[in-house]
Protein backbone atom coordinates (compact mmCIF):
# COMPACT_ATOMS: atom_id res chain seq x y z
CA MET A 1 0.00 0.00 0.00
CA ALA A 2 1.30 3.48 -0.85
CA GLN A 3 0.88 6.53 1.31
CA PHE A 4 1.26 9.69 -0.80
CA PHE A 5 2.71 12.92 0.60
CA GLN A 6 0.15 15.68 0.96
CA THR A 7 0.36 19.40 0.30
CA GLY A 8 -0.52 22.06 2.82
CA SER A 9 -3.87 23.83 2.90
CA ASP A 10 -2.43 26.68 0.87
CA GLY A 11 -1.06 24.34 -1.80
CA SER A 12 2.55 24.70 -0.65
CA ALA A 13 4.83 21.75 -0.13
CA THR A 14 4.86 20.35 3.39
CA SER A 15 7.72 17.86 2.93
CA ASN A 16 10.53 16.95 0.60
CA PHE A 17 9.47 15.58 -2.77
CA ASP A 18 5.89 16.72 -2.22
CA ALA A 19 3.60 15.79 -5.08
CA GLY A 20 2.27 19.35 -5.23
CA THR A 21 5.67 20.93 -5.93
CA ALA A 22 5.68 22.84 -9.22
CA GLY A 23 7.48 21.00 -11.98
CA GLN A 24 7.57 17.73 -10.07
CA THR A 25 5.68 15.10 -12.04
CA ASN A 26 6.33 12.05 -9.90
CA SER A 27 4.17 11.24 -6.86
CA PHE A 28 6.66 9.90 -4.42
CA PHE A 29 5.25 7.72 -1.67
CA LEU A 30 6.18 6.19 1.63
CA PRO A 31 5.66 2.41 1.62
CA SER A 32 3.62 0.95 4.50
CA VAL A 33 5.42 -2.00 6.08
CA TYR A 34 3.23 -4.96 7.05
CA SER A 35 4.61 -7.10 9.84
CA LYS A 36 4.73 -10.84 9.34
CA LYS A 37 4.04 -11.23 13.04
CA VAL A 38 0.40 -11.50 14.02
CA LEU A 39 -0.99 -9.92 17.19
CA ASN A 40 -2.41 -12.95 19.01
CA PHE A 41 -5.31 -12.52 21.40
CA PHE A 42 -4.74 -13.20 25.10
CA ARG A 43 -5.15 -16.84 26.04
CA LYS A 44 -6.55 -18.11 29.32
CA ALA A 45 -4.42 -20.48 31.35
CA SER A 46 -5.41 -24.15 31.33
CA VAL A 47 -5.20 -26.07 34.60
CA VAL A 48 -7.08 -29.35 34.06
CA GLU A 49 -4.07 -31.40 33.00
CA ALA A 50 -2.28 -30.34 36.19
CA ILE A 51 -5.09 -31.23 38.61
CA THR A 52 -6.50 -34.48 37.17
CA ASN A 53 -5.33 -38.04 36.62
CA THR A 54 -4.42 -38.52 32.96
CA ASP A 55 -3.07 -42.08 33.26
CA TYR A 56 -5.85 -43.47 31.07
CA ALA A 57 -5.47 -41.01 28.20
CA GLY A 58 -3.44 -43.42 26.07
CA GLU A 59 -6.18 -46.06 26.12
CA ILE A 60 -8.74 -44.21 23.98
CA SER A 61 -8.86 -44.05 20.19
CA ALA A 62 -12.38 -43.01 19.25
CA TYR A 63 -15.49 -41.20 20.39
CA GLY A 64 -17.61 -43.51 22.55
CA ASP A 65 -14.65 -45.48 23.87
CA SER A 66 -15.00 -46.65 27.46
CA VAL A 67 -12.16 -47.30 29.87
CA LYS A 68 -12.97 -49.68 32.74
CA ILE A 69 -11.17 -48.69 35.93
CA ILE A 70 -11.07 -51.34 38.66
CA LYS A 71 -11.39 -50.03 42.20
CA GLU A 72 -9.00 -51.31 44.82
CA PRO A 73 -10.78 -53.81 47.11
CA VAL A 74 -11.10 -52.95 50.80
CA ILE A 75 -9.64 -55.68 53.03
CA SER A 76 -10.99 -56.13 56.55
CA VAL A 77 -8.68 -56.77 59.48
CA SER A 78 -9.84 -58.91 62.42
CA ASP A 79 -8.43 -59.99 65.77
CA TYR A 80 -6.57 -63.28 65.81
CA THR A 81 -6.69 -65.87 68.58
CA ARG A 82 -4.27 -68.78 68.61
CA ASN A 83 -5.61 -71.93 66.93
CA ALA A 84 -8.75 -70.06 65.82
CA ASP A 85 -10.02 -69.75 62.26
CA THR A 86 -9.61 -66.40 60.56
CA SER A 87 -12.26 -64.81 58.40
CA ALA A 88 -11.46 -64.00 54.79
CA THR A 89 -12.48 -60.93 52.87
CA LEU A 90 -13.96 -61.75 49.49
CA LEU A 91 -12.27 -59.81 46.71
CA THR A 92 -14.41 -57.69 44.42
CA ASP A 93 -13.81 -56.25 40.97
CA GLN A 94 -15.99 -53.17 41.31
CA GLU A 95 -15.33 -50.93 38.34
CA ILE A 96 -15.90 -47.37 37.21
CA SER A 97 -16.32 -46.48 33.55
CA LEU A 98 -14.58 -43.48 32.03
CA VAL A 99 -16.54 -42.81 28.85
CA VAL A 100 -15.28 -40.59 26.05
CA ASP A 101 -18.65 -38.93 25.54
CA SER A 102 -17.79 -35.35 24.57
CA ALA A 103 -16.56 -34.02 21.25
CA LYS A 104 -15.63 -30.60 19.89
CA ALA A 105 -14.76 -29.72 16.31
CA PHE A 106 -13.35 -26.82 14.34
CA LYS A 107 -13.44 -25.94 10.67
CA PHE A 108 -12.20 -23.02 8.62
CA ILE A 109 -11.43 -22.25 4.97
CA VAL A 110 -8.27 -20.62 3.68
CA ASP A 111 -8.78 -19.14 0.22
CA ASP A 112 -6.06 -19.70 -2.40
CA ILE A 113 -5.61 -15.95 -2.72
CA GLU A 114 -4.77 -15.70 0.97
CA SER A 115 -2.44 -18.69 0.75
CA ASN A 116 -0.53 -17.41 -2.27
CA MET A 117 -0.52 -13.65 -1.77
CA SER A 118 -0.75 -13.00 1.96
CA HIS A 119 2.33 -12.01 3.93
CA VAL A 120 1.31 -14.30 6.80
CA ASN A 121 0.51 -18.01 7.00
CA PHE A 122 -3.22 -17.90 7.78
CA LYS A 123 -3.49 -21.68 7.88
CA GLU A 124 -0.91 -21.90 10.64
CA ILE A 125 -2.35 -18.95 12.58
CA ALA A 126 -5.92 -20.24 12.43
CA SER A 127 -4.83 -23.75 13.41
CA SER A 128 -3.13 -22.35 16.49
CA SER A 129 -6.26 -20.44 17.40
CA ALA A 130 -8.41 -23.55 16.89
CA ALA A 131 -6.13 -25.66 19.09
CA TYR A 132 -6.42 -23.11 21.88
CA ALA A 133 -10.22 -22.95 21.52
CA LEU A 134 -10.47 -26.74 21.86
CA LYS A 135 -8.25 -26.80 24.93
CA ASP A 136 -10.13 -23.90 26.51
CA ALA A 137 -13.53 -25.58 26.03
CA TYR A 138 -12.13 -28.84 27.42
CA ASP A 139 -10.72 -27.05 30.46
CA ALA A 140 -14.01 -25.33 31.30
CA ALA A 141 -16.10 -28.50 30.82
CA VAL A 142 -13.91 -30.66 33.08
CA ILE A 143 -13.76 -28.06 35.86
CA GLU A 144 -17.55 -27.79 35.88
CA LYS A 145 -17.92 -31.59 36.09
CA MET A 146 -15.56 -31.60 39.05
CA PHE A 147 -17.70 -29.03 40.85
CA LEU A 148 -20.79 -31.14 40.19
CA GLY A 149 -18.97 -34.26 41.41
CA CYS A 150 -18.26 -32.99 44.93
CA SER A 151 -19.79 -35.10 47.69
CA ALA A 152 -22.87 -33.34 49.10
CA ALA A 153 -23.51 -35.73 51.99
CA THR A 154 -21.52 -38.24 54.05
CA PRO A 155 -19.23 -36.42 53.80
CA ASN A 156 -20.56 -32.97 52.96
CA HIS A 157 -17.78 -31.32 50.98
CA ILE A 158 -19.71 -28.31 49.69
CA LEU A 159 -19.07 -25.26 51.84
CA GLY A 160 -21.68 -22.53 51.78
CA ALA A 161 -24.32 -22.23 49.08
CA ASP A 162 -25.01 -20.23 45.93
CA ASN A 163 -26.80 -17.56 47.94
CA ALA A 164 -26.45 -13.80 48.05
CA THR A 165 -26.74 -13.88 51.86
CA ALA A 166 -23.36 -14.05 53.57
CA LEU A 167 -22.58 -16.38 56.46
CA GLY A 168 -20.97 -15.04 59.59
CA ALA A 169 -17.22 -14.71 60.04
CA GLY A 170 -15.63 -18.13 60.38
CA VAL A 171 -18.86 -19.92 59.42
CA PHE A 172 -18.61 -22.38 56.53
CA ASP A 173 -21.83 -24.38 56.70
CA GLY A 174 -25.31 -23.06 56.01
CA THR A 175 -27.57 -21.73 53.29
CA GLY A 176 -25.49 -18.59 52.75
CA SER A 177 -22.16 -18.09 51.02
CA VAL A 178 -18.83 -17.82 52.82
CA ASP A 179 -18.16 -14.13 53.48
CA LEU A 180 -14.58 -13.51 52.35
CA GLY A 181 -12.68 -10.50 53.61
CA GLN A 182 -10.63 -9.23 56.51
CA THR A 183 -12.08 -7.57 59.62
CA GLY A 184 -15.36 -9.20 60.68
CA GLU A 185 -15.28 -11.57 57.71
CA THR A 186 -13.71 -14.91 56.86
CA ASP A 187 -10.05 -14.78 55.87
CA PRO A 188 -9.43 -16.68 52.60
CA LEU A 189 -6.69 -18.60 54.38
CA ASP A 190 -9.20 -19.86 56.94
CA LEU A 191 -11.43 -21.13 54.13
CA MET A 192 -8.49 -22.99 52.61
CA ALA A 193 -7.60 -24.42 56.03
CA ARG A 194 -11.14 -25.79 56.40
CA MET A 195 -10.96 -27.37 52.95
CA ALA A 196 -7.65 -28.98 53.86
CA ARG A 197 -9.15 -30.31 57.09
CA LEU A 198 -12.04 -31.94 55.23
CA LEU A 199 -9.55 -33.71 52.97
CA ASP A 200 -7.49 -34.76 55.99
CA GLU A 201 -10.56 -36.34 57.58
CA GLN A 202 -10.97 -38.52 54.47
CA ASN A 203 -7.30 -39.60 54.58
CA VAL A 204 -6.59 -37.86 51.27
CA PRO A 205 -2.79 -37.76 50.73
CA GLU A 206 -1.16 -34.38 51.14
CA GLU A 207 1.08 -34.90 48.14
CA GLY A 208 -0.82 -34.02 44.98
CA ARG A 209 -3.33 -31.62 46.51
CA TRP A 210 -4.34 -28.53 44.55
CA PHE A 211 -6.54 -25.47 44.86
CA VAL A 212 -8.11 -23.49 41.99
CA ALA A 213 -9.99 -20.20 42.12
CA GLY A 214 -10.68 -17.09 40.08
CA PRO A 215 -8.89 -13.72 40.15
CA ASP A 216 -11.33 -12.20 42.65
CA PHE A 217 -10.44 -14.82 45.26
CA TYR A 218 -6.72 -14.17 44.79
CA GLU A 219 -7.30 -10.46 45.16
CA GLN A 220 -8.74 -11.13 48.61
CA LEU A 221 -5.96 -13.56 49.40
CA GLY A 222 -3.39 -10.95 48.48
CA GLN A 223 -4.88 -8.61 51.07
CA SER A 224 -4.28 -11.10 53.88
CA GLY A 225 -2.00 -10.01 56.72
CA SER A 226 0.99 -11.96 55.43
CA LYS A 227 2.32 -11.12 52.00
CA LEU A 228 1.71 -14.62 50.70
CA LEU A 229 1.61 -13.72 47.04
CA SER A 230 4.54 -11.29 47.06
CA VAL A 231 7.46 -12.31 44.89
CA ASP A 232 9.66 -11.83 47.95
CA PHE A 233 7.91 -14.83 49.52
CA ASN A 234 7.54 -16.77 46.29
CA ALA A 235 11.15 -17.64 45.44
CA GLY A 236 11.15 -14.75 43.00
CA GLN A 237 8.63 -16.55 40.81
CA GLY A 238 5.54 -14.42 41.06
CA SER A 239 4.38 -14.88 37.48
CA ILE A 240 1.64 -17.28 36.46
CA ARG A 241 2.76 -20.35 34.53
CA ASN A 242 -0.12 -22.41 33.09
CA GLY A 243 -2.34 -21.12 35.86
CA LEU A 244 0.15 -21.96 38.63
CA VAL A 245 0.20 -18.98 40.99
CA SER A 246 2.79 -19.91 43.57
CA SER A 247 6.06 -21.82 43.42
CA GLY A 248 5.37 -23.24 46.88
CA LYS A 249 2.37 -24.76 48.61
CA LEU A 250 -0.21 -22.87 50.64
CA ARG A 251 -2.09 -24.80 53.31
CA GLY A 252 -0.77 -27.90 51.57
CA PHE A 253 -2.18 -26.96 48.14
CA ASP A 254 -0.55 -26.21 44.81
CA MET A 255 -2.21 -22.92 43.91
CA TYR A 256 -3.87 -22.40 40.51
CA LYS A 257 -5.79 -19.49 39.03
CA SER A 258 -8.42 -19.98 36.33
CA ASN A 259 -10.94 -17.92 34.39
CA ASN A 260 -12.75 -21.10 33.35
CA ILE A 261 -14.73 -21.50 36.56
CA ALA A 262 -18.41 -21.19 35.64
CA GLY A 263 -20.28 -18.22 37.05
CA THR A 264 -22.64 -18.46 40.01
CA SER A 265 -26.26 -17.29 40.22
CA ASN A 266 -26.13 -15.41 43.52
CA ALA A 267 -22.77 -15.87 45.24
CA THR A 268 -19.77 -13.84 44.05
CA GLY A 269 -17.88 -16.94 43.00
CA LYS A 270 -16.80 -20.46 43.85
CA CYS A 271 -13.51 -22.28 44.35
CA LEU A 272 -12.40 -25.89 44.31
CA ALA A 273 -9.78 -27.95 46.12
CA GLY A 274 -8.87 -31.58 45.78
CA HIS A 275 -6.38 -34.29 44.97
CA MET A 276 -5.09 -35.35 41.56
CA SER A 277 -6.57 -38.82 42.00
CA SER A 278 -10.10 -37.42 42.44
CA THR A 279 -10.84 -37.13 38.72
CA ALA A 280 -9.72 -39.03 35.65
CA THR A 281 -9.59 -37.39 32.25
CA ALA A 282 -8.76 -38.65 28.80
CA ASN A 283 -8.64 -36.64 25.60
CA THR A 284 -7.15 -36.83 22.15
CA ILE A 285 -7.22 -35.04 18.81
CA LEU A 286 -8.99 -37.79 16.91
CA SER A 287 -8.58 -36.35 13.44
CA THR A 288 -7.22 -33.35 11.57
CA GLU A 289 -7.47 -33.06 7.83
CA VAL A 290 -7.07 -30.67 4.92
CA LEU A 291 -9.27 -31.01 1.85
CA ARG A 292 -10.31 -28.86 -1.09
CA ASP A 293 -13.49 -26.82 -0.70
CA PRO A 294 -15.93 -27.98 -3.44
CA THR A 295 -17.64 -24.59 -3.71
CA SER A 296 -14.67 -22.20 -3.72
CA PHE A 297 -10.97 -22.03 -4.43
CA GLY A 298 -9.56 -22.81 -1.04
CA ASP A 299 -8.59 -25.45 1.50
CA ILE A 300 -10.85 -26.66 4.28
CA VAL A 301 -9.02 -27.35 7.51
CA ARG A 302 -10.95 -29.21 10.19
CA GLY A 303 -10.30 -31.21 13.32
CA LEU A 304 -12.09 -33.31 15.93
CA HIS A 305 -11.25 -33.40 19.64
CA VAL A 306 -12.83 -36.07 21.88
CA TYR A 307 -12.60 -36.33 25.64
CA GLY A 308 -14.09 -37.87 28.74
CA CYS A 309 -14.08 -37.02 32.43
CA LYS A 310 -15.07 -39.03 35.50
CA VAL A 311 -14.95 -38.16 39.19
CA LEU A 312 -13.50 -41.28 40.79
CA ARG A 313 -13.28 -40.12 44.41
CA ASP A 314 -15.89 -37.52 45.35
CA GLU A 315 -14.51 -37.41 48.90
CA ALA A 316 -11.25 -36.05 47.47
CA LEU A 317 -12.94 -32.85 46.23
CA VAL A 318 -14.11 -29.84 48.25
CA SER A 319 -15.91 -26.83 46.81
CA ALA A 320 -16.99 -23.53 48.37
CA PHE A 321 -19.30 -20.68 47.41
CA TYR A 322 -18.09 -17.28 48.57
CA LYS A 323 -19.28 -13.69 48.70
CA ILE A 324 -17.09 -10.61 48.37
CA ASP A 325 -18.53 -7.20 49.27
């Protein structure tokens, strides 16, 4: 594209080689330089692969596949008296099915003109965008299933409720939401401590625990008395890497931040804590292909992503609804 020099309002030259200069027949121009680098949109961090069990991912090959997961049998222990018979525990093969029952697809067309004359590789750029969109949808869907999979009774691992009414300071159970804040409200650290306690009571291992919440929760956490999120107390690694907020653990949790937590109806937000073994996920890009578009001069690029998610241990998940005012 050419940008021609302009004359002043009175017709006089305003720059060297101005097209309006008397006797000058050429219209000199300044070429506009187009960068080959594309300005990518901001991408949300994905956390699902860091907080779920992906051991079964290699066992799927198609939509509708089902992976049978055998649960470990529980063996009873009894007192033993000399010369007395001992009772045997019968082994069971109770199983849980992880079904690949979700699929997402993308499709776009790159015209031959764009392929041959553009200064950027649109096929590569669009493919990158499509890959992110698939991963983002997968991340949001799995997190929501994990929220729905929390045990609601025996044990009750849902703290607060999706209610606009706030519970009192230090109160975690009831029909209201946990009131996060400082003076006269519940400190975010206290909420995390309660979630850790509930996991402890179910003998959930400390290694492999995680916590995920949205930016508003971390804003409140950053206002806590101790500078927990300061880089000075974070081994100099204060930046977010794939949603990981802190280089160390907090109340025994690896800390993750996500914008893929579904919104609430009345509470300000919700957060989730758990163990990696709580949920199994499996996903794969089943197919990607390039073919000619029959109705235009261009290439169709399309792909299919399939995945499945199953909460295996609902007692290893704890969720909480909170209110910030």
